Amino acid sequence: MAKRHKKTEKPRSLQVITLCISTAMVLILIGMVVLTVFTSRNLSQFVKENLTVTMILQPDMSNEECATLCAQVDQLPYISNLNFVSKEEALKEGTRELGANPAEFAGENPFTAEIEVRLKANYANNDSIKAIAGQLKKFKGVSDITYRQDLVESVNRTLGKISIVLLVIAALLTVVSFSLINNTIRLSVYARRFTIHTMKLVGASWNFIRMPFLRTAILQGFISALIAIAVLGFGMYLLYTYDSEITVVLDWNVMVITAIIMMAFGILITFFCSWLSVNKFLRMKASSLYKI
């Protein structure tokens, strides 16, 4: 009897291991999609917040007038931060880029002071920037407003396409993951279909029969999620060692949220699939158990 018990335990252990590994692989794919979604969102916000709108000031403005203008602009609700570039600083930058001092040829400093403005991410779209540029140009002492309009259009267009692609991938992965995990769990429950029928014959309630399977499914989902989180976390660690600046768009908050989503999805999907599989065999008659 002991030998027979060991023989039946080995296939069951192999089924559990197979289920955990296959579920973990699916959860890794789902985690990668979730990470990509959050990363693209953070990247969009990073690009938009680093988009610079330049206010070119009139040459005759004094430093006091420039300081007053900077204080006024900094109070606007759509301004994230600003940087004032004086005529002297602009001349130094131009000299460094040109390799010669243009003031020596022109007889005076040809550069004007500028205010480099960065907008909040919610305002970094073409319509908002056009309206903001019109408002900034009305300030006294501002001669022109410049910004990279093509960059704004490119960022918004690219992120729109990425969002659509990620939505399609997420939908496909959800369907595929449910099918794979459901089939694996159904095979596991199928091997114990006669045990389920025997428990029905002795008068056990459906809830009593289901409970061990559901507890096992929750445990398997939890273990699978831990494996998937560990693999994905190791991949993120390798990515960080390769380029530490990845934390700009992939911070700890994103990784924690992704881990929570993977854990919740792993537990819920195994629980739901186990519920469906056990119910299927609970509804079957004894004669049908031999035909499947």
C-alpha atoms as a PDB file:
ATOM      1  CA  MET A   1       0.000   0.000   0.000  1.00  0.00           C
ATOM      2  CA  ALA A   2       2.839   2.363   0.825  1.00  0.00           C
ATOM      3  CA  LYS A   3       4.475   1.757  -2.548  1.00  0.00           C
ATOM      4  CA  ARG A   4       1.193   2.328  -4.357  1.00  0.00           C
ATOM      5  CA  HIS A   5       0.663   5.547  -2.394  1.00  0.00           C
ATOM      6  CA  LYS A   6       4.114   6.811  -3.405  1.00  0.00           C
ATOM      7  CA  LYS A   7       3.397   6.010  -7.045  1.00  0.00           C
ATOM      8  CA  THR A   8       0.196   8.037  -6.993  1.00  0.00           C
ATOM      9  CA  GLU A   9       1.887  10.921  -5.200  1.00  0.00           C
ATOM     10  CA  LYS A  10       4.644  11.297  -7.805  1.00  0.00           C
ATOM     11  CA  PRO A  11       2.321  12.049 -10.755  1.00  0.00           C
ATOM     12  CA  ARG A  12       0.332  14.442  -8.566  1.00  0.00           C
ATOM     13  CA  SER A  13       3.500  16.257  -7.500  1.00  0.00           C
ATOM     14  CA  LEU A  14       4.570  16.455 -11.128  1.00  0.00           C
ATOM     15  CA  GLN A  15       1.185  17.958 -12.022  1.00  0.00           C
ATOM     16  CA  VAL A  16       1.553  20.594  -9.297  1.00  0.00           C
ATOM     17  CA  ILE A  17       5.057  21.510 -10.477  1.00  0.00           C
ATOM     18  CA  THR A  18       3.898  21.693 -14.093  1.00  0.00           C
ATOM     19  CA  LEU A  19       0.943  23.859 -13.122  1.00  0.00           C
ATOM     20  CA  CYS A  20       3.123  26.257 -11.097  1.00  0.00           C
ATOM     21  CA  ILE A  21       5.705  26.602 -13.868  1.00  0.00           C
ATOM     22  CA  SER A  22       3.151  27.104 -16.653  1.00  0.00           C
ATOM     23  CA  THR A  23       1.195  29.628 -14.553  1.00  0.00           C
ATOM     24  CA  ALA A  24       4.405  31.453 -13.643  1.00  0.00           C
ATOM     25  CA  MET A  25       5.368  31.753 -17.326  1.00  0.00           C
ATOM     26  CA  VAL A  26       1.986  33.261 -18.136  1.00  0.00           C
ATOM     27  CA  LEU A  27       2.268  35.661 -15.185  1.00  0.00           C
ATOM     28  CA  ILE A  28       5.725  36.758 -16.374  1.00  0.00           C
ATOM     29  CA  LEU A  29       4.242  37.736 -19.746  1.00  0.00           C
ATOM     30  CA  ILE A  30       1.412  39.598 -18.023  1.00  0.00           C
ATOM     31  CA  GLY A  31       3.902  41.332 -15.730  1.00  0.00           C
ATOM     32  CA  MET A  32       5.958  42.449 -18.731  1.00  0.00           C
ATOM     33  CA  VAL A  33       2.868  43.973 -20.326  1.00  0.00           C
ATOM     34  CA  VAL A  34       1.958  45.762 -17.076  1.00  0.00           C
ATOM     35  CA  LEU A  35       5.522  47.058 -16.735  1.00  0.00           C
ATOM     36  CA  THR A  36       5.459  48.282 -20.321  1.00  0.00           C
ATOM     37  CA  VAL A  37       2.182  50.115 -19.730  1.00  0.00           C
ATOM     38  CA  PHE A  38       3.483  51.901 -16.637  1.00  0.00           C
ATOM     39  CA  THR A  39       6.871  52.563 -18.245  1.00  0.00           C
ATOM     40  CA  SER A  40       5.289  54.126 -21.339  1.00  0.00           C
ATOM     41  CA  ARG A  41       3.114  56.298 -19.108  1.00  0.00           C
ATOM     42  CA  ASN A  42       6.129  57.452 -17.067  1.00  0.00           C
ATOM     43  CA  LEU A  43       8.144  57.969 -20.248  1.00  0.00           C
ATOM     44  CA  SER A  44       5.341  60.089 -21.687  1.00  0.00           C
ATOM     45  CA  GLN A  45       5.228  62.190 -18.541  1.00  0.00           C
ATOM     46  CA  PHE A  46       9.038  62.498 -18.473  1.00  0.00           C
ATOM     47  CA  VAL A  47       9.225  63.647 -22.110  1.00  0.00           C
ATOM     48  CA  LYS A  48       6.355  66.087 -21.727  1.00  0.00           C
ATOM     49  CA  GLU A  49       7.711  67.592 -18.505  1.00  0.00           C
ATOM     50  CA  ASN A  50      11.127  68.044 -20.121  1.00  0.00           C
ATOM     51  CA  LEU A  51       9.686  69.774 -23.178  1.00  0.00           C
ATOM     52  CA  THR A  52      11.101  73.292 -23.175  1.00  0.00           C
ATOM     53  CA  VAL A  53       9.185  76.403 -24.241  1.00  0.00           C
ATOM     54  CA  THR A  54      11.628  79.285 -24.716  1.00  0.00           C
ATOM     55  CA  MET A  55      10.604  82.885 -24.060  1.00  0.00           C
ATOM     56  CA  ILE A  56      12.957  85.174 -26.001  1.00  0.00           C
ATOM     57  CA  LEU A  57      13.203  88.531 -24.242  1.00  0.00           C
ATOM     58  CA  GLN A  58      13.775  91.950 -25.750  1.00  0.00           C
ATOM     59  CA  PRO A  59      17.426  93.141 -25.794  1.00  0.00           C
ATOM     60  CA  ASP A  60      16.782  96.292 -23.765  1.00  0.00           C
ATOM     61  CA  MET A  61      15.407  94.498 -20.691  1.00  0.00           C
ATOM     62  CA  SER A  62      17.380  94.960 -17.484  1.00  0.00           C
ATOM     63  CA  ASN A  63      18.206  92.163 -15.046  1.00  0.00           C
ATOM     64  CA  GLU A  64      15.662  93.569 -12.558  1.00  0.00           C
ATOM     65  CA  GLU A  65      12.908  93.477 -15.170  1.00  0.00           C
ATOM     66  CA  CYS A  66      13.896  89.935 -16.122  1.00  0.00           C
ATOM     67  CA  ALA A  67      13.746  88.845 -12.469  1.00  0.00           C
ATOM     68  CA  THR A  68      10.274  90.377 -12.089  1.00  0.00           C
ATOM     69  CA  LEU A  69       9.087  88.628 -15.248  1.00  0.00           C
ATOM     70  CA  CYS A  70      10.458  85.283 -14.024  1.00  0.00           C
ATOM     71  CA  ALA A  71       8.562  85.672 -10.742  1.00  0.00           C
ATOM     72  CA  GLN A  72       5.329  86.401 -12.619  1.00  0.00           C
ATOM     73  CA  VAL A  73       5.716  83.459 -14.998  1.00  0.00           C
ATOM     74  CA  ASP A  74       6.622  81.065 -12.172  1.00  0.00           C
ATOM     75  CA  GLN A  75       3.237  81.720 -10.538  1.00  0.00           C
ATOM     76  CA  LEU A  76       1.282  80.422 -13.543  1.00  0.00           C
ATOM     77  CA  PRO A  77      -0.562  77.134 -12.826  1.00  0.00           C
ATOM     78  CA  TYR A  78       0.757  75.268 -15.858  1.00  0.00           C
ATOM     79  CA  ILE A  79       4.448  75.972 -15.177  1.00  0.00           C
ATOM     80  CA  SER A  80       6.478  73.074 -13.759  1.00  0.00           C
ATOM     81  CA  ASN A  81       9.773  74.999 -13.486  1.00  0.00           C
ATOM     82  CA  LEU A  82      11.750  77.626 -15.349  1.00  0.00           C
ATOM     83  CA  ASN A  83      15.355  78.558 -15.970  1.00  0.00           C
ATOM     84  CA  PHE A  84      16.525  82.104 -16.695  1.00  0.00           C
ATOM     85  CA  VAL A  85      19.431  82.448 -19.145  1.00  0.00           C
ATOM     86  CA  SER A  86      20.973  85.909 -19.066  1.00  0.00           C
ATOM     87  CA  LYS A  87      22.635  87.571 -22.056  1.00  0.00           C
ATOM     88  CA  GLU A  88      26.050  86.908 -20.519  1.00  0.00           C
ATOM     89  CA  GLU A  89      25.307  83.198 -20.037  1.00  0.00           C
ATOM     90  CA  ALA A  90      23.958  82.968 -23.577  1.00  0.00           C
ATOM     91  CA  LEU A  91      27.161  84.579 -24.854  1.00  0.00           C
ATOM     92  CA  LYS A  92      29.320  82.055 -22.968  1.00  0.00           C
ATOM     93  CA  GLU A  93      27.278  79.170 -24.356  1.00  0.00           C
ATOM     94  CA  GLY A  94      27.476  80.573 -27.893  1.00  0.00           C
ATOM     95  CA  THR A  95      31.224  81.086 -27.574  1.00  0.00           C
ATOM     96  CA  ARG A  96      31.698  77.514 -26.420  1.00  0.00           C
ATOM     97  CA  GLU A  97      29.632  76.132 -29.308  1.00  0.00           C
ATOM     98  CA  LEU A  98      31.129  78.368 -32.010  1.00  0.00           C
ATOM     99  CA  GLY A  99      34.695  78.243 -30.728  1.00  0.00           C
ATOM    100  CA  ALA A 100      34.947  82.038 -30.968  1.00  0.00           C
ATOM    101  CA  ASN A 101      33.448  85.055 -29.237  1.00  0.00           C
ATOM    102  CA  PRO A 102      30.821  86.575 -31.578  1.00  0.00           C
ATOM    103  CA  ALA A 103      30.848  89.815 -29.549  1.00  0.00           C
ATOM    104  CA  GLU A 104      34.363  90.549 -30.852  1.00  0.00           C
ATOM    105  CA  PHE A 105      33.046  90.582 -34.426  1.00  0.00           C
ATOM    106  CA  ALA A 106      29.698  92.257 -33.805  1.00  0.00           C
ATOM    107  CA  GLY A 107      31.041  94.856 -31.383  1.00  0.00           C
ATOM    108  CA  GLU A 108      28.337  93.949 -28.848  1.00  0.00           C
ATOM    109  CA  ASN A 109      26.619  90.928 -27.361  1.00  0.00           C
ATOM    110  CA  PRO A 110      24.317  89.603 -30.127  1.00  0.00           C
ATOM    111  CA  PHE A 111      22.440  87.275 -27.781  1.00  0.00           C
ATOM    112  CA  THR A 112      19.312  88.127 -25.836  1.00  0.00           C
ATOM    113  CA  ALA A 113      18.154  86.837 -22.465  1.00  0.00           C
ATOM    114  CA  GLU A 114      15.791  83.861 -22.426  1.00  0.00           C
ATOM    115  CA  ILE A 115      13.457  82.118 -20.034  1.00  0.00           C
ATOM    116  CA  GLU A 116      13.304  78.366 -20.562  1.00  0.00           C
ATOM    117  CA  VAL A 117       9.943  77.133 -19.314  1.00  0.00           C
ATOM    118  CA  ARG A 118       8.922  73.536 -18.651  1.00  0.00           C
ATOM    119  CA  LEU A 119       5.230  72.745 -18.533  1.00  0.00           C
ATOM    120  CA  LYS A 120       3.339  70.247 -16.431  1.00  0.00           C
ATOM    121  CA  ALA A 121       2.659  67.002 -18.286  1.00  0.00           C
ATOM    122  CA  ASN A 122      -1.110  67.614 -18.541  1.00  0.00           C
ATOM    123  CA  TYR A 123      -0.495  70.788 -20.556  1.00  0.00           C
ATOM    124  CA  ALA A 124       2.164  69.354 -22.895  1.00  0.00           C
ATOM    125  CA  ASN A 125       0.019  68.927 -26.005  1.00  0.00           C
ATOM    126  CA  ASN A 126      -0.187  71.046 -29.133  1.00  0.00           C
ATOM    127  CA  ASP A 127      -3.495  72.754 -28.381  1.00  0.00           C
ATOM    128  CA  SER A 128      -2.523  73.672 -24.832  1.00  0.00           C
ATOM    129  CA  ILE A 129       0.966  74.806 -25.829  1.00  0.00           C
ATOM    130  CA  LYS A 130      -0.415  77.083 -28.539  1.00  0.00           C
ATOM    131  CA  ALA A 131      -2.745  78.714 -26.035  1.00  0.00           C
ATOM    132  CA  ILE A 132       0.033  78.968 -23.441  1.00  0.00           C
ATOM    133  CA  ALA A 133       2.452  80.440 -25.995  1.00  0.00           C
ATOM    134  CA  GLY A 134      -0.111  83.108 -26.805  1.00  0.00           C
ATOM    135  CA  GLN A 135      -0.476  83.989 -23.111  1.00  0.00           C
ATOM    136  CA  LEU A 136       3.274  84.074 -22.494  1.00  0.00           C
ATOM    137  CA  LYS A 137       3.839  86.330 -25.491  1.00  0.00           C
ATOM    138  CA  LYS A 138       1.541  88.954 -23.973  1.00  0.00           C
ATOM    139  CA  PHE A 139       3.956  89.578 -21.101  1.00  0.00           C
ATOM    140  CA  LYS A 140       5.838  92.831 -21.337  1.00  0.00           C
ATOM    141  CA  GLY A 141       9.368  92.377 -22.658  1.00  0.00           C
ATOM    142  CA  VAL A 142       8.742  89.085 -24.502  1.00  0.00           C
ATOM    143  CA  SER A 143       9.622  89.275 -28.178  1.00  0.00           C
ATOM    144  CA  ASP A 144       8.971  85.678 -29.283  1.00  0.00           C
ATOM    145  CA  ILE A 145       8.054  82.158 -28.104  1.00  0.00           C
ATOM    146  CA  THR A 146       9.699  79.049 -29.536  1.00  0.00           C
ATOM    147  CA  TYR A 147       9.192  75.321 -28.885  1.00  0.00           C
ATOM    148  CA  ARG A 148       9.596  72.011 -30.689  1.00  0.00           C
ATOM    149  CA  GLN A 149       6.136  71.536 -32.164  1.00  0.00           C
ATOM    150  CA  ASP A 150       7.256  68.523 -34.209  1.00  0.00           C
ATOM    151  CA  LEU A 151       8.521  66.824 -31.042  1.00  0.00           C
ATOM    152  CA  VAL A 152       5.166  67.276 -29.297  1.00  0.00           C
ATOM    153  CA  GLU A 153       3.268  65.831 -32.266  1.00  0.00           C
ATOM    154  CA  SER A 154       5.709  62.919 -32.563  1.00  0.00           C
ATOM    155  CA  VAL A 155       5.485  62.034 -28.858  1.00  0.00           C
ATOM    156  CA  ASN A 156       1.679  62.151 -28.770  1.00  0.00           C
ATOM    157  CA  ARG A 157       1.337  60.165 -32.008  1.00  0.00           C
ATOM    158  CA  THR A 158       3.840  57.489 -30.947  1.00  0.00           C
ATOM    159  CA  LEU A 159       2.358  57.052 -27.473  1.00  0.00           C
ATOM    160  CA  GLY A 160      -1.118  56.732 -28.972  1.00  0.00           C
ATOM    161  CA  LYS A 161       0.040  53.860 -31.189  1.00  0.00           C
ATOM    162  CA  ILE A 162       1.856  52.195 -28.288  1.00  0.00           C
ATOM    163  CA  SER A 163      -1.282  52.373 -26.126  1.00  0.00           C
ATOM    164  CA  ILE A 164      -3.372  50.650 -28.807  1.00  0.00           C
ATOM    165  CA  VAL A 165      -0.773  47.898 -29.310  1.00  0.00           C
ATOM    166  CA  LEU A 166      -0.476  47.288 -25.562  1.00  0.00           C
ATOM    167  CA  LEU A 167      -4.249  47.116 -25.199  1.00  0.00           C
ATOM    168  CA  VAL A 168      -4.466  44.453 -27.914  1.00  0.00           C
ATOM    169  CA  ILE A 169      -1.567  42.474 -26.413  1.00  0.00           C
ATOM    170  CA  ALA A 170      -3.107  42.638 -22.929  1.00  0.00           C
ATOM    171  CA  ALA A 171      -6.452  41.344 -24.260  1.00  0.00           C
ATOM    172  CA  LEU A 172      -4.776  38.486 -26.145  1.00  0.00           C
ATOM    173  CA  LEU A 173      -2.637  37.541 -23.155  1.00  0.00           C
ATOM    174  CA  THR A 174      -5.686  37.477 -20.904  1.00  0.00           C
ATOM    175  CA  VAL A 175      -7.463  35.044 -23.226  1.00  0.00           C
ATOM    176  CA  VAL A 176      -4.382  32.870 -23.764  1.00  0.00           C
ATOM    177  CA  SER A 177      -3.469  32.818 -20.071  1.00  0.00           C
ATOM    178  CA  PHE A 178      -6.983  31.817 -19.056  1.00  0.00           C
ATOM    179  CA  SER A 179      -7.036  29.010 -21.638  1.00  0.00           C
ATOM    180  CA  LEU A 180      -3.613  27.636 -20.652  1.00  0.00           C
ATOM    181  CA  ILE A 181      -4.157  27.786 -16.899  1.00  0.00           C
ATOM    182  CA  ASN A 182      -7.719  26.469 -17.178  1.00  0.00           C
ATOM    183  CA  ASN A 183      -6.601  23.464 -19.239  1.00  0.00           C
ATOM    184  CA  THR A 184      -3.753  22.687 -16.846  1.00  0.00           C
ATOM    185  CA  ILE A 185      -6.003  22.866 -13.775  1.00  0.00           C
ATOM    186  CA  ARG A 186      -8.715  20.845 -15.507  1.00  0.00           C
ATOM    187  CA  LEU A 187      -6.218  18.043 -16.155  1.00  0.00           C
ATOM    188  CA  SER A 188      -5.228  18.129 -12.504  1.00  0.00           C
ATOM    189  CA  VAL A 189      -8.857  17.891 -11.361  1.00  0.00           C
ATOM    190  CA  TYR A 190      -9.595  15.271 -14.034  1.00  0.00           C
ATOM    191  CA  ALA A 191      -7.116  12.903 -12.398  1.00  0.00           C
ATOM    192  CA  ARG A 192      -9.213  13.056  -9.209  1.00  0.00           C
ATOM    193  CA  ARG A 193     -12.677  12.880 -10.775  1.00  0.00           C
ATOM    194  CA  PHE A 194     -13.451   9.505  -9.197  1.00  0.00           C
ATOM    195  CA  THR A 195     -12.497  10.843  -5.775  1.00  0.00           C
ATOM    196  CA  ILE A 196     -14.986  13.685  -6.315  1.00  0.00           C
ATOM    197  CA  HIS A 197     -17.681  11.177  -7.280  1.00  0.00           C
ATOM    198  CA  THR A 198     -16.950   8.973  -4.257  1.00  0.00           C
ATOM    199  CA  MET A 199     -17.301  11.964  -1.927  1.00  0.00           C
ATOM    200  CA  LYS A 200     -20.658  12.759  -3.546  1.00  0.00           C
ATOM    201  CA  LEU A 201     -21.820   9.183  -2.912  1.00  0.00           C
ATOM    202  CA  VAL A 202     -21.057   9.395   0.805  1.00  0.00           C
ATOM    203  CA  GLY A 203     -23.135  12.572   1.083  1.00  0.00           C
ATOM    204  CA  ALA A 204     -20.472  15.316   1.059  1.00  0.00           C
ATOM    205  CA  SER A 205     -21.758  18.745   0.031  1.00  0.00           C
ATOM    206  CA  TRP A 206     -20.436  20.508  -3.038  1.00  0.00           C
ATOM    207  CA  ASN A 207     -18.802  23.216  -0.933  1.00  0.00           C
ATOM    208  CA  PHE A 208     -17.071  20.588   1.197  1.00  0.00           C
ATOM    209  CA  ILE A 209     -15.747  18.856  -1.951  1.00  0.00           C
ATOM    210  CA  ARG A 210     -14.666  22.100  -3.599  1.00  0.00           C
ATOM    211  CA  MET A 211     -12.831  23.567  -0.624  1.00  0.00           C
ATOM    212  CA  PRO A 212      -9.613  21.442  -0.782  1.00  0.00           C
ATOM    213  CA  PHE A 213      -9.301  22.079  -4.505  1.00  0.00           C
ATOM    214  CA  LEU A 214      -9.781  25.834  -4.043  1.00  0.00           C
ATOM    215  CA  ARG A 215      -7.258  26.021  -1.205  1.00  0.00           C
ATOM    216  CA  THR A 216      -4.755  24.135  -3.346  1.00  0.00           C
ATOM    217  CA  ALA A 217      -5.460  26.446  -6.284  1.00  0.00           C
ATOM    218  CA  ILE A 218      -4.876  29.549  -4.143  1.00  0.00           C
ATOM    219  CA  LEU A 219      -1.588  28.112  -2.869  1.00  0.00           C
ATOM    220  CA  GLN A 220      -0.496  27.189  -6.393  1.00  0.00           C
ATOM    221  CA  GLY A 221      -1.399  30.656  -7.666  1.00  0.00           C
ATOM    222  CA  PHE A 222       0.549  32.236  -4.809  1.00  0.00           C
ATOM    223  CA  ILE A 223       3.644  30.109  -5.478  1.00  0.00           C
ATOM    224  CA  SER A 224       3.405  30.732  -9.231  1.00  0.00           C
ATOM    225  CA  ALA A 225       3.169  34.486  -8.644  1.00  0.00           C
ATOM    226  CA  LEU A 226       6.210  34.392  -6.343  1.00  0.00           C
ATOM    227  CA  ILE A 227       8.209  32.578  -9.029  1.00  0.00           C
ATOM    228  CA  ALA A 228       7.087  35.032 -11.712  1.00  0.00           C
ATOM    229  CA  ILE A 229       7.858  38.060  -9.508  1.00  0.00           C
ATOM    230  CA  ALA A 230      11.312  36.684  -8.673  1.00  0.00           C
ATOM    231  CA  VAL A 231      12.147  36.076 -12.360  1.00  0.00           C
ATOM    232  CA  LEU A 232      10.855  39.470 -13.446  1.00  0.00           C
ATOM    233  CA  GLY A 233      12.573  41.189 -10.521  1.00  0.00           C
ATOM    234  CA  PHE A 234      15.879  39.576 -11.462  1.00  0.00           C
ATOM    235  CA  GLY A 235      15.422  40.810 -15.012  1.00  0.00           C
ATOM    236  CA  MET A 236      14.774  44.340 -13.737  1.00  0.00           C
ATOM    237  CA  TYR A 237      17.911  44.106 -11.582  1.00  0.00           C
ATOM    238  CA  LEU A 238      20.011  43.163 -14.612  1.00  0.00           C
ATOM    239  CA  LEU A 239      18.465  46.042 -16.534  1.00  0.00           C
ATOM    240  CA  TYR A 240      19.283  48.437 -13.681  1.00  0.00           C
ATOM    241  CA  THR A 241      22.919  47.281 -13.513  1.00  0.00           C
ATOM    242  CA  TYR A 242      23.170  47.861 -17.266  1.00  0.00           C
ATOM    243  CA  ASP A 243      21.707  51.369 -17.089  1.00  0.00           C
ATOM    244  CA  SER A 244      20.895  52.908 -13.700  1.00  0.00           C
ATOM    245  CA  GLU A 245      18.976  55.771 -15.335  1.00  0.00           C
ATOM    246  CA  ILE A 246      16.153  53.342 -16.081  1.00  0.00           C
ATOM    247  CA  THR A 247      14.730  54.340 -12.671  1.00  0.00           C
ATOM    248  CA  VAL A 248      13.520  57.574 -14.302  1.00  0.00           C
ATOM    249  CA  VAL A 249      10.697  55.653 -15.975  1.00  0.00           C
ATOM    250  CA  LEU A 250      10.802  52.395 -13.985  1.00  0.00           C
ATOM    251  CA  ASP A 251      10.768  53.240 -10.291  1.00  0.00           C
ATOM    252  CA  TRP A 252       9.996  51.169  -7.192  1.00  0.00           C
ATOM    253  CA  ASN A 253       6.329  52.192  -7.190  1.00  0.00           C
ATOM    254  CA  VAL A 254       5.858  50.714 -10.649  1.00  0.00           C
ATOM    255  CA  MET A 255       7.557  47.444  -9.681  1.00  0.00           C
ATOM    256  CA  VAL A 256       5.537  47.114  -6.448  1.00  0.00           C
ATOM    257  CA  ILE A 257       2.249  47.754  -8.268  1.00  0.00           C
ATOM    258  CA  THR A 258       3.239  45.242 -10.960  1.00  0.00           C
ATOM    259  CA  ALA A 259       4.060  42.625  -8.307  1.00  0.00           C
ATOM    260  CA  ILE A 260       0.674  43.178  -6.616  1.00  0.00           C
ATOM    261  CA  ILE A 261      -1.158  42.836  -9.947  1.00  0.00           C
ATOM    262  CA  MET A 262       0.735  39.631 -10.774  1.00  0.00           C
ATOM    263  CA  MET A 263       0.005  38.176  -7.330  1.00  0.00           C
ATOM    264  CA  ALA A 264      -3.695  39.065  -7.511  1.00  0.00           C
ATOM    265  CA  PHE A 265      -4.048  37.761 -11.073  1.00  0.00           C
ATOM    266  CA  GLY A 266      -2.222  34.518 -10.238  1.00  0.00           C
ATOM    267  CA  ILE A 267      -4.449  33.754  -7.247  1.00  0.00           C
ATOM    268  CA  LEU A 268      -7.713  34.822  -8.877  1.00  0.00           C
ATOM    269  CA  ILE A 269      -7.171  33.006 -12.169  1.00  0.00           C
ATOM    270  CA  THR A 270      -6.202  29.699 -10.508  1.00  0.00           C
ATOM    271  CA  PHE A 271      -9.109  30.026  -8.055  1.00  0.00           C
ATOM    272  CA  PHE A 272     -11.623  30.713 -10.818  1.00  0.00           C
ATOM    273  CA  CYS A 273     -10.335  27.964 -13.112  1.00  0.00           C
ATOM    274  CA  SER A 274     -10.354  25.449 -10.266  1.00  0.00           C
ATOM    275  CA  TRP A 275     -13.909  26.457  -9.383  1.00  0.00           C
ATOM    276  CA  LEU A 276     -15.060  25.878 -12.970  1.00  0.00           C
ATOM    277  CA  SER A 277     -13.246  22.542 -13.297  1.00  0.00           C
ATOM    278  CA  VAL A 278     -14.529  21.082 -10.016  1.00  0.00           C
ATOM    279  CA  ASN A 279     -18.082  22.201 -10.780  1.00  0.00           C
ATOM    280  CA  LYS A 280     -17.893  20.474 -14.143  1.00  0.00           C
ATOM    281  CA  PHE A 281     -17.110  17.105 -12.539  1.00  0.00           C
ATOM    282  CA  LEU A 282     -19.570  17.671  -9.714  1.00  0.00           C
ATOM    283  CA  ARG A 283     -22.393  17.974 -12.246  1.00  0.00           C
ATOM    284  CA  MET A 284     -21.364  14.805 -14.114  1.00  0.00           C
ATOM    285  CA  LYS A 285     -23.086  11.498 -13.646  1.00  0.00           C
ATOM    286  CA  ALA A 286     -21.084   8.355 -12.869  1.00  0.00           C
ATOM    287  CA  SER A 287     -21.516   6.985 -16.402  1.00  0.00           C
ATOM    288  CA  SER A 288     -20.080  10.151 -17.945  1.00  0.00           C
ATOM    289  CA  LEU A 289     -16.837   9.922 -15.955  1.00  0.00           C
ATOM    290  CA  TYR A 290     -15.699   6.959 -18.044  1.00  0.00           C
ATOM    291  CA  LYS A 291     -16.400   8.644 -21.377  1.00  0.00           C
ATOM    292  CA  ILE A 292     -14.023  11.620 -21.022  1.00  0.00           C
END
